[in-house]
Amino acid sequence: MVLSNLRIAFPEKTENERKLIARKFYRNFTDTFVETIKTLSISDKEFDKRYVGNFDVINAIVLKGKNLQIISAHTFNWELANLTLSRHMKLPSIGVYSPIENKITERLFLKIRARFGTILIPTHSFKRRMHELMKAHNSMFLLADQNPGNLSNAYWLNFFGKTVPFISGPHRAASKNNSTILFISFRKLQRGYYSFDATEIIEDAARFTPQELTIRYRDFVEGAIRIQPDNYLWSHRRWRREITPEFEKNRIEN
């Protein structure tokens, strides 16, 4: 699966180059699991030394009083990104998550994710609670690159040369509520050290259509992957969907 995905994303690379990316990916994947469990015991001082970001820029936007949508992709280490943003942002943070089937494992990860006060909302409750959440001043942390469950509401875009569905909900909500969108990049500086930075800021999302916001997001994700290709979650089936005639109306040509 990993090599198959890499062949789609990087046809210009040699097979040996793709295998090298795959080997580095597996190391990063393993590091992510260990680093996440380590957050149960790491001190605040050590945490702040290892996980940094341009939080002054983010908090300057917070002071303007608008709700934030912090959107990123499944680049490593997204679990640490949630914790780092919750620790340093001067605003309550909401994390939308997919429940884990094993209840013991889910309790463990909920404990980890809530260490610095993140309010955790399962995906199946998000739509019902969205209007309530939007009334309060808060930030919402979303990873929007996974395959959408409801294809009828998805936008279909070219992603690394192949048409795939993108979740439309976050972009529709941001446009409707005129939220400020922050695209946050995760960069692995060295083993065990990361930088989480706002790399693109859209202060008034209502100026854009949801389709335009989705294109901006797609471009952001592709750019982040090209910078550190081994730091992306290549083990999920990102390109498994094929567009069919019934979804052509939701294709975005760009």
C-alpha atoms as a PDB file:
ATOM      1  CA  MET A   1       0.000   0.000   0.000  1.00  0.00           C
ATOM      2  CA  VAL A   2       2.751   2.459   0.931  1.00  0.00           C
ATOM      3  CA  LEU A   3       4.732   1.886  -2.265  1.00  0.00           C
ATOM      4  CA  SER A   4       1.573   1.903  -4.367  1.00  0.00           C
ATOM      5  CA  ASN A   5       0.641   5.324  -2.971  1.00  0.00           C
ATOM      6  CA  LEU A   6       4.160   6.637  -3.523  1.00  0.00           C
ATOM      7  CA  ARG A   7       4.065   5.512  -7.162  1.00  0.00           C
ATOM      8  CA  ILE A   8       0.891   7.554  -7.668  1.00  0.00           C
ATOM      9  CA  ALA A   9       2.243  10.641  -5.900  1.00  0.00           C
ATOM     10  CA  PHE A  10       5.793  10.560  -7.272  1.00  0.00           C
ATOM     11  CA  PRO A  11       5.880   8.904 -10.712  1.00  0.00           C
ATOM     12  CA  GLU A  12       8.971  10.961 -11.542  1.00  0.00           C
ATOM     13  CA  LYS A  13      11.036   9.277  -8.802  1.00  0.00           C
ATOM     14  CA  THR A  14      12.893   6.005  -9.225  1.00  0.00           C
ATOM     15  CA  GLU A  15      11.728   2.873  -7.418  1.00  0.00           C
ATOM     16  CA  ASN A  16      14.804   3.068  -5.151  1.00  0.00           C
ATOM     17  CA  GLU A  17      13.959   6.661  -4.237  1.00  0.00           C
ATOM     18  CA  ARG A  18      10.406   5.651  -3.353  1.00  0.00           C
ATOM     19  CA  LYS A  19      11.672   2.726  -1.259  1.00  0.00           C
ATOM     20  CA  LEU A  20      13.923   5.112   0.661  1.00  0.00           C
ATOM     21  CA  ILE A  21      10.912   7.370   1.394  1.00  0.00           C
ATOM     22  CA  ALA A  22       8.970   4.277   2.518  1.00  0.00           C
ATOM     23  CA  ARG A  23      11.718   3.201   4.932  1.00  0.00           C
ATOM     24  CA  LYS A  24      11.866   6.676   6.453  1.00  0.00           C
ATOM     25  CA  PHE A  25       8.065   6.727   6.660  1.00  0.00           C
ATOM     26  CA  TYR A  26       7.999   3.510   8.724  1.00  0.00           C
ATOM     27  CA  ARG A  27      10.536   4.972  11.131  1.00  0.00           C
ATOM     28  CA  ASN A  28       8.478   8.178  11.459  1.00  0.00           C
ATOM     29  CA  PHE A  29       5.300   6.138  11.894  1.00  0.00           C
ATOM     30  CA  THR A  30       6.885   4.173  14.753  1.00  0.00           C
ATOM     31  CA  ASP A  31       8.318   7.345  16.299  1.00  0.00           C
ATOM     32  CA  THR A  32       4.847   8.896  16.274  1.00  0.00           C
ATOM     33  CA  PHE A  33       3.369   6.087  18.339  1.00  0.00           C
ATOM     34  CA  VAL A  34       6.211   6.158  20.889  1.00  0.00           C
ATOM     35  CA  GLU A  35       6.196   9.978  21.104  1.00  0.00           C
ATOM     36  CA  THR A  36       2.446  10.028  21.652  1.00  0.00           C
ATOM     37  CA  ILE A  37       2.587   7.525  24.527  1.00  0.00           C
ATOM     38  CA  LYS A  38       5.517   9.461  26.009  1.00  0.00           C
ATOM     39  CA  THR A  39       3.286  12.522  26.421  1.00  0.00           C
ATOM     40  CA  LEU A  40       1.725  10.769  29.414  1.00  0.00           C
ATOM     41  CA  SER A  41       4.930  11.371  31.379  1.00  0.00           C
ATOM     42  CA  ILE A  42       6.973  14.080  29.643  1.00  0.00           C
ATOM     43  CA  SER A  43       7.450  17.243  31.713  1.00  0.00           C
ATOM     44  CA  ASP A  44       6.033  20.573  30.540  1.00  0.00           C
ATOM     45  CA  LYS A  45       9.570  21.969  30.274  1.00  0.00           C
ATOM     46  CA  GLU A  46      10.754  19.138  28.044  1.00  0.00           C
ATOM     47  CA  PHE A  47       7.548  19.334  26.016  1.00  0.00           C
ATOM     48  CA  ASP A  48       8.065  23.036  25.288  1.00  0.00           C
ATOM     49  CA  LYS A  49      11.681  22.433  24.269  1.00  0.00           C
ATOM     50  CA  ARG A  50      10.806  19.761  21.719  1.00  0.00           C
ATOM     51  CA  TYR A  51       7.602  21.111  20.178  1.00  0.00           C
ATOM     52  CA  VAL A  52       7.623  24.717  18.966  1.00  0.00           C
ATOM     53  CA  GLY A  53       5.669  26.984  16.616  1.00  0.00           C
ATOM     54  CA  ASN A  54       4.842  30.574  15.668  1.00  0.00           C
ATOM     55  CA  PHE A  55       2.278  30.971  18.431  1.00  0.00           C
ATOM     56  CA  ASP A  56       2.686  34.764  18.644  1.00  0.00           C
ATOM     57  CA  VAL A  57       1.297  34.987  15.115  1.00  0.00           C
ATOM     58  CA  ILE A  58      -1.599  32.691  15.989  1.00  0.00           C
ATOM     59  CA  ASN A  59      -2.453  34.459  19.252  1.00  0.00           C
ATOM     60  CA  ALA A  60      -2.425  37.859  17.526  1.00  0.00           C
ATOM     61  CA  ILE A  61      -5.293  36.540  15.396  1.00  0.00           C
ATOM     62  CA  VAL A  62      -7.037  35.114  18.468  1.00  0.00           C
ATOM     63  CA  LEU A  63      -7.145  38.603  20.009  1.00  0.00           C
ATOM     64  CA  LYS A  64      -9.273  39.822  17.077  1.00  0.00           C
ATOM     65  CA  GLY A  65     -12.131  37.780  18.522  1.00  0.00           C
ATOM     66  CA  LYS A  66     -12.994  35.511  15.604  1.00  0.00           C
ATOM     67  CA  ASN A  67     -13.335  31.754  15.676  1.00  0.00           C
ATOM     68  CA  LEU A  68     -10.459  29.811  14.168  1.00  0.00           C
ATOM     69  CA  GLN A  69     -10.426  26.718  12.041  1.00  0.00           C
ATOM     70  CA  ILE A  70      -7.009  25.113  12.285  1.00  0.00           C
ATOM     71  CA  ILE A  71      -6.745  22.670   9.415  1.00  0.00           C
ATOM     72  CA  SER A  72      -3.939  20.308   8.570  1.00  0.00           C
ATOM     73  CA  ALA A  73      -3.258  16.825   7.206  1.00  0.00           C
ATOM     74  CA  HIS A  74      -2.081  13.477   8.517  1.00  0.00           C
ATOM     75  CA  THR A  75       1.553  14.468   8.700  1.00  0.00           C
ATOM     76  CA  PHE A  76       3.563  13.418  11.731  1.00  0.00           C
ATOM     77  CA  ASN A  77       3.036  14.079  14.505  1.00  0.00           C
ATOM     78  CA  TRP A  78      -0.560  15.254  14.494  1.00  0.00           C
ATOM     79  CA  GLU A  79      -1.173  14.068  18.069  1.00  0.00           C
ATOM     80  CA  LEU A  80       1.595  16.375  19.290  1.00  0.00           C
ATOM     81  CA  ALA A  81       0.198  19.191  17.154  1.00  0.00           C
ATOM     82  CA  ASN A  82      -3.107  19.017  19.010  1.00  0.00           C
ATOM     83  CA  LEU A  83      -1.337  19.133  22.363  1.00  0.00           C
ATOM     84  CA  THR A  84       1.077  21.905  21.375  1.00  0.00           C
ATOM     85  CA  LEU A  85      -1.639  24.156  19.992  1.00  0.00           C
ATOM     86  CA  SER A  86      -3.858  23.572  23.054  1.00  0.00           C
ATOM     87  CA  ARG A  87      -0.956  24.408  25.357  1.00  0.00           C
ATOM     88  CA  HIS A  88       0.077  27.667  23.690  1.00  0.00           C
ATOM     89  CA  MET A  89      -3.082  29.150  22.185  1.00  0.00           C
ATOM     90  CA  LYS A  90      -5.022  31.697  24.219  1.00  0.00           C
ATOM     91  CA  LEU A  91      -8.325  30.168  23.191  1.00  0.00           C
ATOM     92  CA  PRO A  92     -10.254  26.973  24.016  1.00  0.00           C
ATOM     93  CA  SER A  93      -9.392  24.273  21.504  1.00  0.00           C
ATOM     94  CA  ILE A  94     -11.836  21.734  20.049  1.00  0.00           C
ATOM     95  CA  GLY A  95     -10.553  18.518  18.499  1.00  0.00           C
ATOM     96  CA  VAL A  96     -12.790  16.423  16.241  1.00  0.00           C
ATOM     97  CA  TYR A  97     -11.761  12.767  16.337  1.00  0.00           C
ATOM     98  CA  SER A  98     -12.788   9.363  14.999  1.00  0.00           C
ATOM     99  CA  PRO A  99     -13.596   6.980  17.868  1.00  0.00           C
ATOM    100  CA  ILE A 100     -11.289   3.988  18.264  1.00  0.00           C
ATOM    101  CA  GLU A 101     -12.999   0.601  18.223  1.00  0.00           C
ATOM    102  CA  ASN A 102     -10.989  -0.763  21.159  1.00  0.00           C
ATOM    103  CA  LYS A 103     -12.422   1.044  24.183  1.00  0.00           C
ATOM    104  CA  ILE A 104      -9.299   0.647  26.341  1.00  0.00           C
ATOM    105  CA  THR A 105      -7.149   2.199  23.617  1.00  0.00           C
ATOM    106  CA  GLU A 106      -9.711   4.957  23.089  1.00  0.00           C
ATOM    107  CA  ARG A 107      -9.670   5.887  26.801  1.00  0.00           C
ATOM    108  CA  LEU A 108      -5.875   6.062  26.683  1.00  0.00           C
ATOM    109  CA  PHE A 109      -5.832   8.354  23.634  1.00  0.00           C
ATOM    110  CA  LEU A 110      -8.596  10.563  25.013  1.00  0.00           C
ATOM    111  CA  LYS A 111      -6.483  11.044  28.140  1.00  0.00           C
ATOM    112  CA  ILE A 112      -3.453  11.942  26.017  1.00  0.00           C
ATOM    113  CA  ARG A 113      -5.360  14.303  23.727  1.00  0.00           C
ATOM    114  CA  ALA A 114      -7.012  16.165  26.611  1.00  0.00           C
ATOM    115  CA  ARG A 115      -3.805  16.787  28.589  1.00  0.00           C
ATOM    116  CA  PHE A 116      -3.816  20.540  27.913  1.00  0.00           C
ATOM    117  CA  GLY A 117      -7.566  20.994  27.889  1.00  0.00           C
ATOM    118  CA  THR A 118      -8.631  20.108  24.352  1.00  0.00           C
ATOM    119  CA  ILE A 119     -12.414  19.639  24.149  1.00  0.00           C
ATOM    120  CA  LEU A 120     -12.877  16.375  22.255  1.00  0.00           C
ATOM    121  CA  ILE A 121     -15.876  15.856  19.958  1.00  0.00           C
ATOM    122  CA  PRO A 122     -16.419  12.523  18.162  1.00  0.00           C
ATOM    123  CA  THR A 123     -17.114  12.837  14.437  1.00  0.00           C
ATOM    124  CA  HIS A 124     -20.623  11.375  14.761  1.00  0.00           C
ATOM    125  CA  SER A 125     -21.602  14.201  17.167  1.00  0.00           C
ATOM    126  CA  PHE A 126     -19.902  17.070  15.355  1.00  0.00           C
ATOM    127  CA  LYS A 127     -22.678  17.963  12.886  1.00  0.00           C
ATOM    128  CA  ARG A 128     -25.306  18.003  15.630  1.00  0.00           C
ATOM    129  CA  ARG A 129     -23.176  20.211  17.896  1.00  0.00           C
ATOM    130  CA  MET A 130     -21.555  22.457  15.271  1.00  0.00           C
ATOM    131  CA  HIS A 131     -23.993  25.388  15.614  1.00  0.00           C
ATOM    132  CA  GLU A 132     -23.679  25.328  19.409  1.00  0.00           C
ATOM    133  CA  LEU A 133     -19.877  25.299  19.168  1.00  0.00           C
ATOM    134  CA  MET A 134     -19.763  28.179  16.709  1.00  0.00           C
ATOM    135  CA  LYS A 135     -21.512  30.490  19.178  1.00  0.00           C
ATOM    136  CA  ALA A 136     -18.533  30.479  21.560  1.00  0.00           C
ATOM    137  CA  HIS A 137     -15.090  31.921  20.852  1.00  0.00           C
ATOM    138  CA  ASN A 138     -12.934  28.885  20.170  1.00  0.00           C
ATOM    139  CA  SER A 139     -10.556  27.170  17.779  1.00  0.00           C
ATOM    140  CA  MET A 140     -11.306  23.935  15.987  1.00  0.00           C
ATOM    141  CA  PHE A 141      -8.552  21.503  15.005  1.00  0.00           C
ATOM    142  CA  LEU A 142      -9.308  19.328  11.956  1.00  0.00           C
ATOM    143  CA  LEU A 143      -7.383  16.890   9.794  1.00  0.00           C
ATOM    144  CA  ALA A 144      -9.346  17.118   6.557  1.00  0.00           C
ATOM    145  CA  ASP A 145      -7.393  14.860   4.189  1.00  0.00           C
ATOM    146  CA  GLN A 146      -9.078  11.555   5.026  1.00  0.00           C
ATOM    147  CA  ASN A 147     -11.607   9.963   2.696  1.00  0.00           C
ATOM    148  CA  PRO A 148     -15.099  11.357   3.366  1.00  0.00           C
ATOM    149  CA  GLY A 149     -17.760   8.952   4.531  1.00  0.00           C
ATOM    150  CA  ASN A 150     -20.496  10.669   2.515  1.00  0.00           C
ATOM    151  CA  LEU A 151     -19.358  10.953  -1.095  1.00  0.00           C
ATOM    152  CA  SER A 152     -22.480  12.836  -2.173  1.00  0.00           C
ATOM    153  CA  ASN A 153     -21.238  15.933  -0.269  1.00  0.00           C
ATOM    154  CA  ALA A 154     -17.585  15.581  -1.225  1.00  0.00           C
ATOM    155  CA  TYR A 155     -15.656  17.797  -3.605  1.00  0.00           C
ATOM    156  CA  TRP A 156     -13.577  15.939  -6.200  1.00  0.00           C
ATOM    157  CA  LEU A 157     -10.190  17.449  -7.013  1.00  0.00           C
ATOM    158  CA  ASN A 158      -6.969  16.479  -8.702  1.00  0.00           C
ATOM    159  CA  PHE A 159      -4.537  15.382  -5.977  1.00  0.00           C
ATOM    160  CA  PHE A 160      -1.061  14.399  -7.154  1.00  0.00           C
ATOM    161  CA  GLY A 161      -2.424  13.795 -10.640  1.00  0.00           C
ATOM    162  CA  LYS A 162      -5.457  11.684  -9.698  1.00  0.00           C
ATOM    163  CA  THR A 163      -9.011  12.784  -8.890  1.00  0.00           C
ATOM    164  CA  VAL A 164     -10.013  12.055  -5.279  1.00  0.00           C
ATOM    165  CA  PRO A 165     -12.833  13.160  -2.932  1.00  0.00           C
ATOM    166  CA  PHE A 166     -12.187  15.829  -0.291  1.00  0.00           C
ATOM    167  CA  ILE A 167     -14.288  16.495   2.787  1.00  0.00           C
ATOM    168  CA  SER A 168     -16.337  19.635   2.157  1.00  0.00           C
ATOM    169  CA  GLY A 169     -17.812  20.269   5.626  1.00  0.00           C
ATOM    170  CA  PRO A 170     -14.976  22.318   7.174  1.00  0.00           C
ATOM    171  CA  HIS A 171     -14.744  24.591   4.146  1.00  0.00           C
ATOM    172  CA  ARG A 172     -18.511  25.080   3.928  1.00  0.00           C
ATOM    173  CA  ALA A 173     -18.671  25.930   7.644  1.00  0.00           C
ATOM    174  CA  ALA A 174     -15.722  28.342   7.487  1.00  0.00           C
ATOM    175  CA  SER A 175     -17.225  30.209   4.523  1.00  0.00           C
ATOM    176  CA  LYS A 176     -20.689  30.374   6.089  1.00  0.00           C
ATOM    177  CA  ASN A 177     -19.458  31.547   9.524  1.00  0.00           C
ATOM    178  CA  ASN A 178     -16.671  33.778   8.192  1.00  0.00           C
ATOM    179  CA  SER A 179     -14.128  31.990  10.369  1.00  0.00           C
ATOM    180  CA  THR A 180     -10.401  32.579  10.163  1.00  0.00           C
ATOM    181  CA  ILE A 181      -8.618  29.582   8.671  1.00  0.00           C
ATOM    182  CA  LEU A 182      -5.085  28.639   9.618  1.00  0.00           C
ATOM    183  CA  PHE A 183      -3.312  25.973   7.610  1.00  0.00           C
ATOM    184  CA  ILE A 184      -0.811  24.476  10.051  1.00  0.00           C
ATOM    185  CA  SER A 185       2.241  22.626   8.756  1.00  0.00           C
ATOM    186  CA  PHE A 186       4.028  19.983  10.843  1.00  0.00           C
ATOM    187  CA  ARG A 187       7.773  19.822  10.219  1.00  0.00           C
ATOM    188  CA  LYS A 188      10.000  17.195  11.761  1.00  0.00           C
ATOM    189  CA  LEU A 189      13.177  19.087  12.707  1.00  0.00           C
ATOM    190  CA  GLN A 190      14.993  15.996  13.958  1.00  0.00           C
ATOM    191  CA  ARG A 191      13.999  12.851  15.797  1.00  0.00           C
ATOM    192  CA  GLY A 192      11.703  13.870  18.664  1.00  0.00           C
ATOM    193  CA  TYR A 193      11.565  17.577  17.701  1.00  0.00           C
ATOM    194  CA  TYR A 194       8.842  19.311  15.672  1.00  0.00           C
ATOM    195  CA  SER A 195       7.731  22.738  14.552  1.00  0.00           C
ATOM    196  CA  PHE A 196       4.008  23.484  14.147  1.00  0.00           C
ATOM    197  CA  ASP A 197       3.575  26.669  12.156  1.00  0.00           C
ATOM    198  CA  ALA A 198       0.738  28.639  10.591  1.00  0.00           C
ATOM    199  CA  THR A 199       1.895  28.689   6.964  1.00  0.00           C
ATOM    200  CA  GLU A 200      -1.220  30.241   5.417  1.00  0.00           C
ATOM    201  CA  ILE A 201      -3.837  32.429   7.042  1.00  0.00           C
ATOM    202  CA  ILE A 202      -7.243  33.269   5.576  1.00  0.00           C
ATOM    203  CA  GLU A 203      -8.718  35.842   7.934  1.00  0.00           C
ATOM    204  CA  ASP A 204     -12.146  36.209   6.301  1.00  0.00           C
ATOM    205  CA  ALA A 205     -13.222  32.867   4.890  1.00  0.00           C
ATOM    206  CA  ALA A 206     -16.560  34.323   3.727  1.00  0.00           C
ATOM    207  CA  ARG A 207     -14.680  36.046   0.887  1.00  0.00           C
ATOM    208  CA  PHE A 208     -14.149  32.597  -0.638  1.00  0.00           C
ATOM    209  CA  THR A 209     -16.512  29.893  -1.809  1.00  0.00           C
ATOM    210  CA  PRO A 210     -16.175  26.468  -0.153  1.00  0.00           C
ATOM    211  CA  GLN A 211     -14.796  25.175  -3.454  1.00  0.00           C
ATOM    212  CA  GLU A 212     -12.084  27.848  -3.503  1.00  0.00           C
ATOM    213  CA  LEU A 213     -11.144  27.049   0.093  1.00  0.00           C
ATOM    214  CA  THR A 214     -10.883  23.355  -0.768  1.00  0.00           C
ATOM    215  CA  ILE A 215      -8.498  24.167  -3.623  1.00  0.00           C
ATOM    216  CA  ARG A 216      -6.349  26.252  -1.249  1.00  0.00           C
ATOM    217  CA  TYR A 217      -6.326  23.353   1.195  1.00  0.00           C
ATOM    218  CA  ARG A 218      -5.395  20.825  -1.506  1.00  0.00           C
ATOM    219  CA  ASP A 219      -2.476  23.015  -2.580  1.00  0.00           C
ATOM    220  CA  PHE A 220      -1.337  23.343   1.042  1.00  0.00           C
ATOM    221  CA  VAL A 221      -1.377  19.571   1.617  1.00  0.00           C
ATOM    222  CA  GLU A 222       0.500  18.797  -1.600  1.00  0.00           C
ATOM    223  CA  GLY A 223       3.127  21.401  -0.748  1.00  0.00           C
ATOM    224  CA  ALA A 224       3.635  20.044   2.775  1.00  0.00           C
ATOM    225  CA  ILE A 225       4.012  16.489   1.458  1.00  0.00           C
ATOM    226  CA  ARG A 226       6.551  17.504  -1.183  1.00  0.00           C
ATOM    227  CA  ILE A 227       8.700  19.242   1.441  1.00  0.00           C
ATOM    228  CA  GLN A 228       8.875  16.134   3.710  1.00  0.00           C
ATOM    229  CA  PRO A 229       7.411  13.182   1.779  1.00  0.00           C
ATOM    230  CA  ASP A 230       8.417  10.621   4.421  1.00  0.00           C
ATOM    231  CA  ASN A 231       6.416  12.499   7.069  1.00  0.00           C
ATOM    232  CA  TYR A 232       2.978  11.756   5.560  1.00  0.00           C
ATOM    233  CA  LEU A 233       0.652   8.857   6.417  1.00  0.00           C
ATOM    234  CA  TRP A 234       1.173   6.746   3.277  1.00  0.00           C
ATOM    235  CA  SER A 235      -0.407   3.644   4.805  1.00  0.00           C
ATOM    236  CA  HIS A 236      -4.005   4.821   4.299  1.00  0.00           C
ATOM    237  CA  ARG A 237      -5.814   4.307   0.991  1.00  0.00           C
ATOM    238  CA  ARG A 238      -6.024   7.928  -0.113  1.00  0.00           C
ATOM    239  CA  TRP A 239      -6.605   7.092  -3.795  1.00  0.00           C
ATOM    240  CA  ARG A 240      -9.008   4.179  -3.475  1.00  0.00           C
ATOM    241  CA  ARG A 241     -12.075   6.061  -4.728  1.00  0.00           C
ATOM    242  CA  GLU A 242     -12.910   6.496  -8.407  1.00  0.00           C
ATOM    243  CA  ILE A 243     -15.192   9.315  -9.502  1.00  0.00           C
ATOM    244  CA  THR A 244     -18.412   8.079 -11.098  1.00  0.00           C
ATOM    245  CA  PRO A 245     -20.935  10.002 -13.262  1.00  0.00           C
ATOM    246  CA  GLU A 246     -23.218  10.720 -10.286  1.00  0.00           C
ATOM    247  CA  PHE A 247     -20.459  12.756  -8.615  1.00  0.00           C
ATOM    248  CA  GLU A 248     -19.295  14.696 -11.688  1.00  0.00           C
ATOM    249  CA  LYS A 249     -21.366  17.707 -10.565  1.00  0.00           C
ATOM    250  CA  ASN A 250     -19.027  18.039  -7.558  1.00  0.00           C
ATOM    251  CA  ARG A 251     -15.800  17.890  -9.562  1.00  0.00           C
ATOM    252  CA  ILE A 252     -13.662  21.013  -9.179  1.00  0.00           C
ATOM    253  CA  GLU A 253     -11.475  21.741 -12.189  1.00  0.00           C
ATOM    254  CA  ASN A 254      -8.243  23.292 -11.003  1.00  0.00           C
END
